[in-house]
Amino acid sequence: MPKLVNPFIHAGRVQGRIEGLEIGREEGLEIGREEGLEKGRLEGTRQFALHLMHRKFPSIPKTAATLLRRLDEPQLLAFGEALITLDSPSACLARLRQARR
């Protein structure tokens, strides 16, 4: 025997699923935007620090760029501040190695 379903309850469930999907999709898009902005900010900070390092020390070895690319945002900001006072490519490399710890 078929089970009787209240059409109002069924319609409510369908509407609830639709609304849940819409909310989930919106939340997913928002999270994706935030992650994209965070990655973009990190990459911009990295590129700027790399640019300044090469301007100050044009002859710095390529290993410096590799070390710099491994830094997270707080490490990059600290390195950028330290870059102001560094006086040689070797001091810059030493600071990059120290920043990774």
PDB file of N, CA and C in Angstrom:
ATOM      1  N   MET A   1       0.829  -1.173   0.000  1.00  0.00           N
ATOM      2  CA  MET A   1       0.000   0.000   0.000  1.00  0.00           C
ATOM      3  C   MET A   1       0.884   1.251   0.000  1.00  0.00           C
ATOM      4  N   PRO A   2       0.612   2.242  -0.857  1.00  0.00           N
ATOM      5  CA  PRO A   2       1.426   3.459  -0.899  1.00  0.00           C
ATOM      6  C   PRO A   2       1.257   4.269   0.384  1.00  0.00           C
ATOM      7  N   LYS A   3       2.343   4.880   0.740  1.00  0.00           N
ATOM      8  CA  LYS A   3       2.367   5.709   1.951  1.00  0.00           C
ATOM      9  C   LYS A   3       1.831   7.094   1.611  1.00  0.00           C
ATOM     10  N   LEU A   4       0.933   7.583   2.410  1.00  0.00           N
ATOM     11  CA  LEU A   4       0.379   8.910   2.177  1.00  0.00           C
ATOM     12  C   LEU A   4       1.353   9.965   2.714  1.00  0.00           C
ATOM     13  N   VAL A   5       1.594  10.979   1.923  1.00  0.00           N
ATOM     14  CA  VAL A   5       2.498  12.048   2.302  1.00  0.00           C
ATOM     15  C   VAL A   5       1.727  13.355   2.289  1.00  0.00           C
ATOM     16  N   ASN A   6       1.895  14.084   3.341  1.00  0.00           N
ATOM     17  CA  ASN A   6       1.272  15.399   3.412  1.00  0.00           C
ATOM     18  C   ASN A   6       1.971  16.309   2.398  1.00  0.00           C
ATOM     19  N   PRO A   7       1.233  16.844   1.428  1.00  0.00           N
ATOM     20  CA  PRO A   7       1.877  17.652   0.389  1.00  0.00           C
ATOM     21  C   PRO A   7       2.545  18.914   0.941  1.00  0.00           C
ATOM     22  N   PHE A   8       2.073  19.433   2.040  1.00  0.00           N
ATOM     23  CA  PHE A   8       2.675  20.629   2.621  1.00  0.00           C
ATOM     24  C   PHE A   8       4.036  20.302   3.262  1.00  0.00           C
ATOM     25  N   ILE A   9       4.086  19.156   3.916  1.00  0.00           N
ATOM     26  CA  ILE A   9       5.355  18.722   4.516  1.00  0.00           C
ATOM     27  C   ILE A   9       6.368  18.434   3.412  1.00  0.00           C
ATOM     28  N   HIS A  10       5.920  17.747   2.377  1.00  0.00           N
ATOM     29  CA  HIS A  10       6.821  17.444   1.251  1.00  0.00           C
ATOM     30  C   HIS A  10       7.341  18.730   0.600  1.00  0.00           C
ATOM     31  N   ALA A  11       6.442  19.683   0.368  1.00  0.00           N
ATOM     32  CA  ALA A  11       6.850  20.954  -0.239  1.00  0.00           C
ATOM     33  C   ALA A  11       7.835  21.689   0.671  1.00  0.00           C
ATOM     34  N   GLY A  12       7.610  21.618   1.980  1.00  0.00           N
ATOM     35  CA  GLY A  12       8.528  22.259   2.929  1.00  0.00           C
ATOM     36  C   GLY A  12       9.913  21.633   2.895  1.00  0.00           C
ATOM     37  N   ARG A  13       9.937  20.302   2.793  1.00  0.00           N
ATOM     38  CA  ARG A  13      11.231  19.607   2.716  1.00  0.00           C
ATOM     39  C   ARG A  13      11.986  19.979   1.439  1.00  0.00           C
ATOM     40  N   VAL A  14      11.261  20.006   0.334  1.00  0.00           N
ATOM     41  CA  VAL A  14      11.879  20.379  -0.948  1.00  0.00           C
ATOM     42  C   VAL A  14      12.420  21.803  -0.869  1.00  0.00           C
ATOM     43  N   GLN A  15      11.602  22.709  -0.354  1.00  0.00           N
ATOM     44  CA  GLN A  15      12.036  24.104  -0.226  1.00  0.00           C
ATOM     45  C   GLN A  15      13.243  24.207   0.704  1.00  0.00           C
ATOM     46  N   GLY A  16      13.235  23.443   1.792  1.00  0.00           N
ATOM     47  CA  GLY A  16      14.370  23.449   2.726  1.00  0.00           C
ATOM     48  C   GLY A  16      15.647  22.970   2.066  1.00  0.00           C
ATOM     49  N   ARG A  17      15.549  21.934   1.253  1.00  0.00           N
ATOM     50  CA  ARG A  17      16.738  21.431   0.541  1.00  0.00           C
ATOM     51  C   ARG A  17      17.272  22.491  -0.426  1.00  0.00           C
ATOM     52  N   ILE A  18      16.362  23.110  -1.147  1.00  0.00           N
ATOM     53  CA  ILE A  18      16.766  24.154  -2.110  1.00  0.00           C
ATOM     54  C   ILE A  18      17.472  25.301  -1.383  1.00  0.00           C
ATOM     55  N   GLU A  19      16.871  25.755  -0.288  1.00  0.00           N
ATOM     56  CA  GLU A  19      17.481  26.851   0.472  1.00  0.00           C
ATOM     57  C   GLU A  19      18.815  26.431   1.068  1.00  0.00           C
ATOM     58  N   GLY A  20      18.899  25.199   1.543  1.00  0.00           N
ATOM     59  CA  GLY A  20      20.161  24.701   2.096  1.00  0.00           C
ATOM     60  C   GLY A  20      21.263  24.666   1.051  1.00  0.00           C
ATOM     61  N   LEU A  21      20.909  24.218  -0.157  1.00  0.00           N
ATOM     62  CA  LEU A  21      21.889  24.205  -1.244  1.00  0.00           C
ATOM     63  C   LEU A  21      22.354  25.611  -1.600  1.00  0.00           C
ATOM     64  N   GLU A  22      21.416  26.554  -1.652  1.00  0.00           N
ATOM     65  CA  GLU A  22      21.768  27.940  -1.980  1.00  0.00           C
ATOM     66  C   GLU A  22      22.691  28.536  -0.908  1.00  0.00           C
ATOM     67  N   ILE A  23      22.355  28.290   0.354  1.00  0.00           N
ATOM     68  CA  ILE A  23      23.191  28.811   1.448  1.00  0.00           C
ATOM     69  C   ILE A  23      24.574  28.183   1.389  1.00  0.00           C
ATOM     70  N   GLY A  24      24.624  26.863   1.169  1.00  0.00           N
ATOM     71  CA  GLY A  24      25.914  26.181   1.070  1.00  0.00           C
ATOM     72  C   GLY A  24      26.759  26.699  -0.075  1.00  0.00           C
ATOM     73  N   ARG A  25      26.114  26.950  -1.198  1.00  0.00           N
ATOM     74  CA  ARG A  25      26.831  27.466  -2.361  1.00  0.00           C
ATOM     75  C   ARG A  25      27.381  28.860  -2.076  1.00  0.00           C
ATOM     76  N   GLU A  26      26.561  29.710  -1.452  1.00  0.00           N
ATOM     77  CA  GLU A  26      27.010  31.071  -1.118  1.00  0.00           C
ATOM     78  C   GLU A  26      28.169  31.037  -0.125  1.00  0.00           C
ATOM     79  N   GLU A  27      28.070  30.166   0.878  1.00  0.00           N
ATOM     80  CA  GLU A  27      29.157  30.059   1.857  1.00  0.00           C
ATOM     81  C   GLU A  27      30.433  29.548   1.193  1.00  0.00           C
ATOM     82  N   GLY A  28      30.280  28.593   0.290  1.00  0.00           N
ATOM     83  CA  GLY A  28      31.444  28.072  -0.435  1.00  0.00           C
ATOM     84  C   GLY A  28      32.114  29.141  -1.281  1.00  0.00           C
ATOM     85  N   LEU A  29      31.303  29.952  -1.956  1.00  0.00           N
ATOM     86  CA  LEU A  29      31.861  31.038  -2.762  1.00  0.00           C
ATOM     87  C   LEU A  29      32.582  32.058  -1.897  1.00  0.00           C
ATOM     88  N   GLU A  30      32.003  32.377  -0.742  1.00  0.00           N
ATOM     89  CA  GLU A  30      32.622  33.348   0.169  1.00  0.00           C
ATOM     90  C   GLU A  30      33.954  32.827   0.684  1.00  0.00           C
ATOM     91  N   ILE A  31      33.994  31.561   1.070  1.00  0.00           N
ATOM     92  CA  ILE A  31      35.243  30.960   1.552  1.00  0.00           C
ATOM     93  C   ILE A  31      36.283  30.970   0.437  1.00  0.00           C
ATOM     94  N   GLY A  32      35.858  30.641  -0.782  1.00  0.00           N
ATOM     95  CA  GLY A  32      36.770  30.649  -1.923  1.00  0.00           C
ATOM     96  C   GLY A  32      37.330  32.034  -2.199  1.00  0.00           C
ATOM     97  N   ARG A  33      36.476  33.048  -2.101  1.00  0.00           N
ATOM     98  CA  ARG A  33      36.941  34.437  -2.309  1.00  0.00           C
ATOM     99  C   ARG A  33      37.968  34.820  -1.253  1.00  0.00           C
ATOM    100  N   GLU A  34      37.663  34.485   0.003  1.00  0.00           N
ATOM    101  CA  GLU A  34      38.583  34.836   1.094  1.00  0.00           C
ATOM    102  C   GLU A  34      39.934  34.145   0.909  1.00  0.00           C
ATOM    103  N   GLU A  35      39.903  32.858   0.557  1.00  0.00           N
ATOM    104  CA  GLU A  35      41.158  32.141   0.338  1.00  0.00           C
ATOM    105  C   GLU A  35      41.923  32.733  -0.840  1.00  0.00           C
ATOM    106  N   GLY A  36      41.210  33.102  -1.886  1.00  0.00           N
ATOM    107  CA  GLY A  36      41.858  33.709  -3.049  1.00  0.00           C
ATOM    108  C   GLY A  36      42.502  35.040  -2.708  1.00  0.00           C
ATOM    109  N   LEU A  37      41.800  35.849  -1.935  1.00  0.00           N
ATOM    110  CA  LEU A  37      42.367  37.137  -1.519  1.00  0.00           C
ATOM    111  C   LEU A  37      43.608  36.933  -0.655  1.00  0.00           C
ATOM    112  N   GLU A  38      43.535  35.959   0.247  1.00  0.00           N
ATOM    113  CA  GLU A  38      44.684  35.688   1.126  1.00  0.00           C
ATOM    114  C   GLU A  38      45.892  35.221   0.312  1.00  0.00           C
ATOM    115  N   LYS A  39      45.661  34.327  -0.632  1.00  0.00           N
ATOM    116  CA  LYS A  39      46.765  33.854  -1.477  1.00  0.00           C
ATOM    117  C   LYS A  39      47.318  34.987  -2.336  1.00  0.00           C
ATOM    118  N   GLY A  40      46.438  35.837  -2.847  1.00  0.00           N
ATOM    119  CA  GLY A  40      46.874  36.973  -3.651  1.00  0.00           C
ATOM    120  C   GLY A  40      47.700  37.961  -2.849  1.00  0.00           C
ATOM    121  N   ARG A  41      47.265  38.214  -1.608  1.00  0.00           N
ATOM    122  CA  ARG A  41      48.012  39.135  -0.744  1.00  0.00           C
ATOM    123  C   ARG A  41      49.395  38.562  -0.435  1.00  0.00           C
ATOM    124  N   LEU A  42      49.448  37.257  -0.143  1.00  0.00           N
ATOM    125  CA  LEU A  42      50.733  36.611   0.146  1.00  0.00           C
ATOM    126  C   LEU A  42      51.654  36.679  -1.069  1.00  0.00           C
ATOM    127  N   GLU A  43      51.125  36.380  -2.242  1.00  0.00           N
ATOM    128  CA  GLU A  43      51.948  36.408  -3.448  1.00  0.00           C
ATOM    129  C   GLU A  43      52.417  37.828  -3.764  1.00  0.00           C
ATOM    130  N   GLY A  44      51.561  38.815  -3.549  1.00  0.00           N
ATOM    131  CA  GLY A  44      51.959  40.208  -3.765  1.00  0.00           C
ATOM    132  C   GLY A  44      53.058  40.633  -2.810  1.00  0.00           C
ATOM    133  N   THR A  45      52.933  40.243  -1.551  1.00  0.00           N
ATOM    134  CA  THR A  45      53.966  40.557  -0.556  1.00  0.00           C
ATOM    135  C   THR A  45      55.276  39.891  -0.939  1.00  0.00           C
ATOM    136  N   ARG A  46      55.177  38.641  -1.385  1.00  0.00           N
ATOM    137  CA  ARG A  46      56.371  37.894  -1.806  1.00  0.00           C
ATOM    138  C   ARG A  46      57.061  38.575  -2.981  1.00  0.00           C
ATOM    139  N   GLN A  47      56.283  38.959  -3.985  1.00  0.00           N
ATOM    140  CA  GLN A  47      56.855  39.602  -5.168  1.00  0.00           C
ATOM    141  C   GLN A  47      57.494  40.948  -4.826  1.00  0.00           C
ATOM    142  N   PHE A  48      56.861  41.680  -3.937  1.00  0.00           N
ATOM    143  CA  PHE A  48      57.403  42.974  -3.537  1.00  0.00           C
ATOM    144  C   PHE A  48      58.716  42.801  -2.779  1.00  0.00           C
ATOM    145  N   ALA A  49      58.755  41.844  -1.848  1.00  0.00           N
ATOM    146  CA  ALA A  49      59.992  41.586  -1.093  1.00  0.00           C
ATOM    147  C   ALA A  49      61.101  41.115  -2.032  1.00  0.00           C
ATOM    148  N   LEU A  50      60.753  40.281  -2.979  1.00  0.00           N
ATOM    149  CA  LEU A  50      61.729  39.796  -3.960  1.00  0.00           C
ATOM    150  C   LEU A  50      62.273  40.949  -4.801  1.00  0.00           C
ATOM    151  N   HIS A  51      61.379  41.822  -5.215  1.00  0.00           N
ATOM    152  CA  HIS A  51      61.781  42.992  -6.007  1.00  0.00           C
ATOM    153  C   HIS A  51      62.743  43.892  -5.208  1.00  0.00           C
ATOM    154  N   LEU A  52      62.378  44.178  -3.962  1.00  0.00           N
ATOM    155  CA  LEU A  52      63.241  45.035  -3.137  1.00  0.00           C
ATOM    156  C   LEU A  52      64.602  44.387  -2.882  1.00  0.00           C
ATOM    157  N   MET A  53      64.584  43.086  -2.634  1.00  0.00           N
ATOM    158  CA  MET A  53      65.844  42.379  -2.382  1.00  0.00           C
ATOM    159  C   MET A  53      66.760  42.463  -3.606  1.00  0.00           C
ATOM    160  N   HIS A  54      66.197  42.259  -4.797  1.00  0.00           N
ATOM    161  CA  HIS A  54      67.009  42.333  -6.016  1.00  0.00           C
ATOM    162  C   HIS A  54      67.458  43.761  -6.339  1.00  0.00           C
ATOM    163  N   ARG A  55      66.651  44.732  -5.964  1.00  0.00           N
ATOM    164  CA  ARG A  55      67.064  46.129  -6.156  1.00  0.00           C
ATOM    165  C   ARG A  55      68.234  46.475  -5.250  1.00  0.00           C
ATOM    166  N   LYS A  56      68.184  46.009  -4.007  1.00  0.00           N
ATOM    167  CA  LYS A  56      69.234  46.337  -3.051  1.00  0.00           C
ATOM    168  C   LYS A  56      70.501  45.518  -3.302  1.00  0.00           C
ATOM    169  N   PHE A  57      70.316  44.249  -3.649  1.00  0.00           N
ATOM    170  CA  PHE A  57      71.454  43.345  -3.879  1.00  0.00           C
ATOM    171  C   PHE A  57      71.302  42.659  -5.242  1.00  0.00           C
ATOM    172  N   PRO A  58      71.640  43.361  -6.329  1.00  0.00           N
ATOM    173  CA  PRO A  58      71.451  42.781  -7.667  1.00  0.00           C
ATOM    174  C   PRO A  58      72.235  41.490  -7.896  1.00  0.00           C
ATOM    175  N   SER A  59      73.342  41.324  -7.204  1.00  0.00           N
ATOM    176  CA  SER A  59      74.184  40.149  -7.437  1.00  0.00           C
ATOM    177  C   SER A  59      73.888  39.003  -6.464  1.00  0.00           C
ATOM    178  N   ILE A  60      72.800  39.092  -5.733  1.00  0.00           N
ATOM    179  CA  ILE A  60      72.493  38.047  -4.750  1.00  0.00           C
ATOM    180  C   ILE A  60      72.228  36.716  -5.472  1.00  0.00           C
ATOM    181  N   PRO A  61      72.706  35.613  -4.916  1.00  0.00           N
ATOM    182  CA  PRO A  61      72.501  34.306  -5.570  1.00  0.00           C
ATOM    183  C   PRO A  61      71.016  33.948  -5.678  1.00  0.00           C
ATOM    184  N   LYS A  62      70.708  33.091  -6.651  1.00  0.00           N
ATOM    185  CA  LYS A  62      69.322  32.686  -6.874  1.00  0.00           C
ATOM    186  C   LYS A  62      68.739  31.918  -5.691  1.00  0.00           C
ATOM    187  N   THR A  63      69.590  31.352  -4.856  1.00  0.00           N
ATOM    188  CA  THR A  63      69.086  30.626  -3.683  1.00  0.00           C
ATOM    189  C   THR A  63      68.310  31.560  -2.757  1.00  0.00           C
ATOM    190  N   ALA A  64      68.630  32.846  -2.794  1.00  0.00           N
ATOM    191  CA  ALA A  64      67.914  33.811  -1.954  1.00  0.00           C
ATOM    192  C   ALA A  64      66.438  33.871  -2.357  1.00  0.00           C
ATOM    193  N   ALA A  65      66.176  33.873  -3.653  1.00  0.00           N
ATOM    194  CA  ALA A  65      64.790  33.912  -4.124  1.00  0.00           C
ATOM    195  C   ALA A  65      64.046  32.643  -3.718  1.00  0.00           C
ATOM    196  N   THR A  66      64.718  31.517  -3.790  1.00  0.00           N
ATOM    197  CA  THR A  66      64.106  30.250  -3.374  1.00  0.00           C
ATOM    198  C   THR A  66      63.766  30.282  -1.891  1.00  0.00           C
ATOM    199  N   LEU A  67      64.687  30.773  -1.080  1.00  0.00           N
ATOM    200  CA  LEU A  67      64.442  30.875   0.356  1.00  0.00           C
ATOM    201  C   LEU A  67      63.296  31.840   0.648  1.00  0.00           C
ATOM    202  N   LEU A  68      63.274  32.945  -0.051  1.00  0.00           N
ATOM    203  CA  LEU A  68      62.234  33.947   0.167  1.00  0.00           C
ATOM    204  C   LEU A  68      60.855  33.396  -0.169  1.00  0.00           C
ATOM    205  N   ARG A  69      60.757  32.607  -1.237  1.00  0.00           N
ATOM    206  CA  ARG A  69      59.460  32.059  -1.654  1.00  0.00           C
ATOM    207  C   ARG A  69      58.888  31.066  -0.642  1.00  0.00           C
ATOM    208  N   ARG A  70      59.704  30.563   0.247  1.00  0.00           N
ATOM    209  CA  ARG A  70      59.246  29.602   1.253  1.00  0.00           C
ATOM    210  C   ARG A  70      58.728  30.260   2.527  1.00  0.00           C
ATOM    211  N   LEU A  71      58.847  31.570   2.611  1.00  0.00           N
ATOM    212  CA  LEU A  71      58.414  32.267   3.823  1.00  0.00           C
ATOM    213  C   LEU A  71      56.909  32.495   3.818  1.00  0.00           C
ATOM    214  N   ASP A  72      56.320  32.413   5.000  1.00  0.00           N
ATOM    215  CA  ASP A  72      54.900  32.757   5.115  1.00  0.00           C
ATOM    216  C   ASP A  72      54.780  34.268   5.314  1.00  0.00           C
ATOM    217  N   GLU A  73      53.565  34.761   5.443  1.00  0.00           N
ATOM    218  CA  GLU A  73      53.360  36.210   5.485  1.00  0.00           C
ATOM    219  C   GLU A  73      54.054  36.899   6.663  1.00  0.00           C
ATOM    220  N   PRO A  74      53.924  36.411   7.906  1.00  0.00           N
ATOM    221  CA  PRO A  74      54.629  37.081   9.008  1.00  0.00           C
ATOM    222  C   PRO A  74      56.153  37.064   8.820  1.00  0.00           C
ATOM    223  N   GLN A  75      56.685  35.958   8.309  1.00  0.00           N
ATOM    224  CA  GLN A  75      58.127  35.875   8.057  1.00  0.00           C
ATOM    225  C   GLN A  75      58.541  36.854   6.963  1.00  0.00           C
ATOM    226  N   LEU A  76      57.713  36.976   5.929  1.00  0.00           N
ATOM    227  CA  LEU A  76      58.010  37.927   4.849  1.00  0.00           C
ATOM    228  C   LEU A  76      58.026  39.361   5.353  1.00  0.00           C
ATOM    229  N   LEU A  77      57.058  39.703   6.179  1.00  0.00           N
ATOM    230  CA  LEU A  77      57.008  41.062   6.715  1.00  0.00           C
ATOM    231  C   LEU A  77      58.218  41.352   7.595  1.00  0.00           C
ATOM    232  N   ALA A  78      58.603  40.381   8.413  1.00  0.00           N
ATOM    233  CA  ALA A  78      59.788  40.558   9.257  1.00  0.00           C
ATOM    234  C   ALA A  78      61.047  40.684   8.397  1.00  0.00           C
ATOM    235  N   PHE A  79      61.126  39.883   7.333  1.00  0.00           N
ATOM    236  CA  PHE A  79      62.280  39.980   6.442  1.00  0.00           C
ATOM    237  C   PHE A  79      62.310  41.345   5.758  1.00  0.00           C
ATOM    238  N   GLY A  80      61.153  41.822   5.321  1.00  0.00           N
ATOM    239  CA  GLY A  80      61.086  43.135   4.668  1.00  0.00           C
ATOM    240  C   GLY A  80      61.589  44.247   5.567  1.00  0.00           C
ATOM    241  N   GLU A  81      61.228  44.176   6.836  1.00  0.00           N
ATOM    242  CA  GLU A  81      61.727  45.180   7.785  1.00  0.00           C
ATOM    243  C   GLU A  81      63.233  45.042   7.985  1.00  0.00           C
ATOM    244  N   ALA A  82      63.708  43.812   8.062  1.00  0.00           N
ATOM    245  CA  ALA A  82      65.143  43.582   8.257  1.00  0.00           C
ATOM    246  C   ALA A  82      65.941  44.001   7.023  1.00  0.00           C
ATOM    247  N   LEU A  83      65.353  43.883   5.863  1.00  0.00           N
ATOM    248  CA  LEU A  83      66.043  44.211   4.609  1.00  0.00           C
ATOM    249  C   LEU A  83      66.545  45.651   4.603  1.00  0.00           C
ATOM    250  N   ILE A  84      65.850  46.515   5.286  1.00  0.00           N
ATOM    251  CA  ILE A  84      66.245  47.929   5.341  1.00  0.00           C
ATOM    252  C   ILE A  84      67.650  48.087   5.912  1.00  0.00           C
ATOM    253  N   THR A  85      67.972  47.290   6.915  1.00  0.00           N
ATOM    254  CA  THR A  85      69.251  47.454   7.608  1.00  0.00           C
ATOM    255  C   THR A  85      70.338  46.509   7.126  1.00  0.00           C
ATOM    256  N   LEU A  86      70.003  45.530   6.301  1.00  0.00           N
ATOM    257  CA  LEU A  86      71.018  44.592   5.823  1.00  0.00           C
ATOM    258  C   LEU A  86      71.989  45.311   4.894  1.00  0.00           C
ATOM    259  N   ASP A  87      73.278  44.955   5.014  1.00  0.00           N
ATOM    260  CA  ASP A  87      74.284  45.698   4.250  1.00  0.00           C
ATOM    261  C   ASP A  87      75.056  44.873   3.226  1.00  0.00           C
ATOM    262  N   SER A  88      74.724  43.587   3.077  1.00  0.00           N
ATOM    263  CA  SER A  88      75.441  42.768   2.099  1.00  0.00           C
ATOM    264  C   SER A  88      74.571  41.586   1.676  1.00  0.00           C
ATOM    265  N   PRO A  89      74.874  41.031   0.493  1.00  0.00           N
ATOM    266  CA  PRO A  89      74.134  39.850   0.057  1.00  0.00           C
ATOM    267  C   PRO A  89      74.277  38.677   1.031  1.00  0.00           C
ATOM    268  N   SER A  90      75.456  38.533   1.617  1.00  0.00           N
ATOM    269  CA  SER A  90      75.647  37.420   2.563  1.00  0.00           C
ATOM    270  C   SER A  90      74.801  37.618   3.824  1.00  0.00           C
ATOM    271  N   ALA A  91      74.696  38.853   4.288  1.00  0.00           N
ATOM    272  CA  ALA A  91      73.840  39.134   5.444  1.00  0.00           C
ATOM    273  C   ALA A  91      72.371  38.875   5.090  1.00  0.00           C
ATOM    274  N   CYS A  92      71.990  39.187   3.869  1.00  0.00           N
ATOM    275  CA  CYS A  92      70.630  38.952   3.406  1.00  0.00           C
ATOM    276  C   CYS A  92      70.331  37.449   3.376  1.00  0.00           C
ATOM    277  N   LEU A  93      71.264  36.670   2.832  1.00  0.00           N
ATOM    278  CA  LEU A  93      71.093  35.213   2.802  1.00  0.00           C
ATOM    279  C   LEU A  93      70.997  34.643   4.212  1.00  0.00           C
ATOM    280  N   ALA A  94      71.844  35.129   5.099  1.00  0.00           N
ATOM    281  CA  ALA A  94      71.809  34.658   6.485  1.00  0.00           C
ATOM    282  C   ALA A  94      70.465  34.970   7.125  1.00  0.00           C
ATOM    283  N   ARG A  95      69.924  36.146   6.858  1.00  0.00           N
ATOM    284  CA  ARG A  95      68.625  36.538   7.429  1.00  0.00           C
ATOM    285  C   ARG A  95      67.506  35.678   6.866  1.00  0.00           C
ATOM    286  N   LEU A  96      67.565  35.354   5.587  1.00  0.00           N
ATOM    287  CA  LEU A  96      66.561  34.471   4.984  1.00  0.00           C
ATOM    288  C   LEU A  96      66.612  33.066   5.584  1.00  0.00           C
ATOM    289  N   ARG A  97      67.813  32.576   5.792  1.00  0.00           N
ATOM    290  CA  ARG A  97      67.953  31.248   6.411  1.00  0.00           C
ATOM    291  C   ARG A  97      67.434  31.255   7.838  1.00  0.00           C
ATOM    292  N   GLN A  98      67.702  32.323   8.546  1.00  0.00           N
ATOM    293  CA  GLN A  98      67.236  32.465   9.932  1.00  0.00           C
ATOM    294  C   GLN A  98      65.702  32.565   9.978  1.00  0.00           C
ATOM    295  N   ALA A  99      65.124  33.240   9.011  1.00  0.00           N
ATOM    296  CA  ALA A  99      63.681  33.453   8.998  1.00  0.00           C
ATOM    297  C   ALA A  99      62.915  32.145   8.852  1.00  0.00           C
ATOM    298  N   ARG A 100      63.508  31.160   8.238  1.00  0.00           N
ATOM    299  CA  ARG A 100      62.848  29.872   8.016  1.00  0.00           C
ATOM    300  C   ARG A 100      62.724  29.059   9.299  1.00  0.00           C
ATOM    301  N   ARG A 101      63.422  29.443  10.348  1.00  0.00           N
ATOM    302  CA  ARG A 101      63.415  28.662  11.591  1.00  0.00           C
ATOM    303  C   ARG A 101      62.268  29.030  12.476  1.00  0.00           C
TER     304      ARG A 101
END
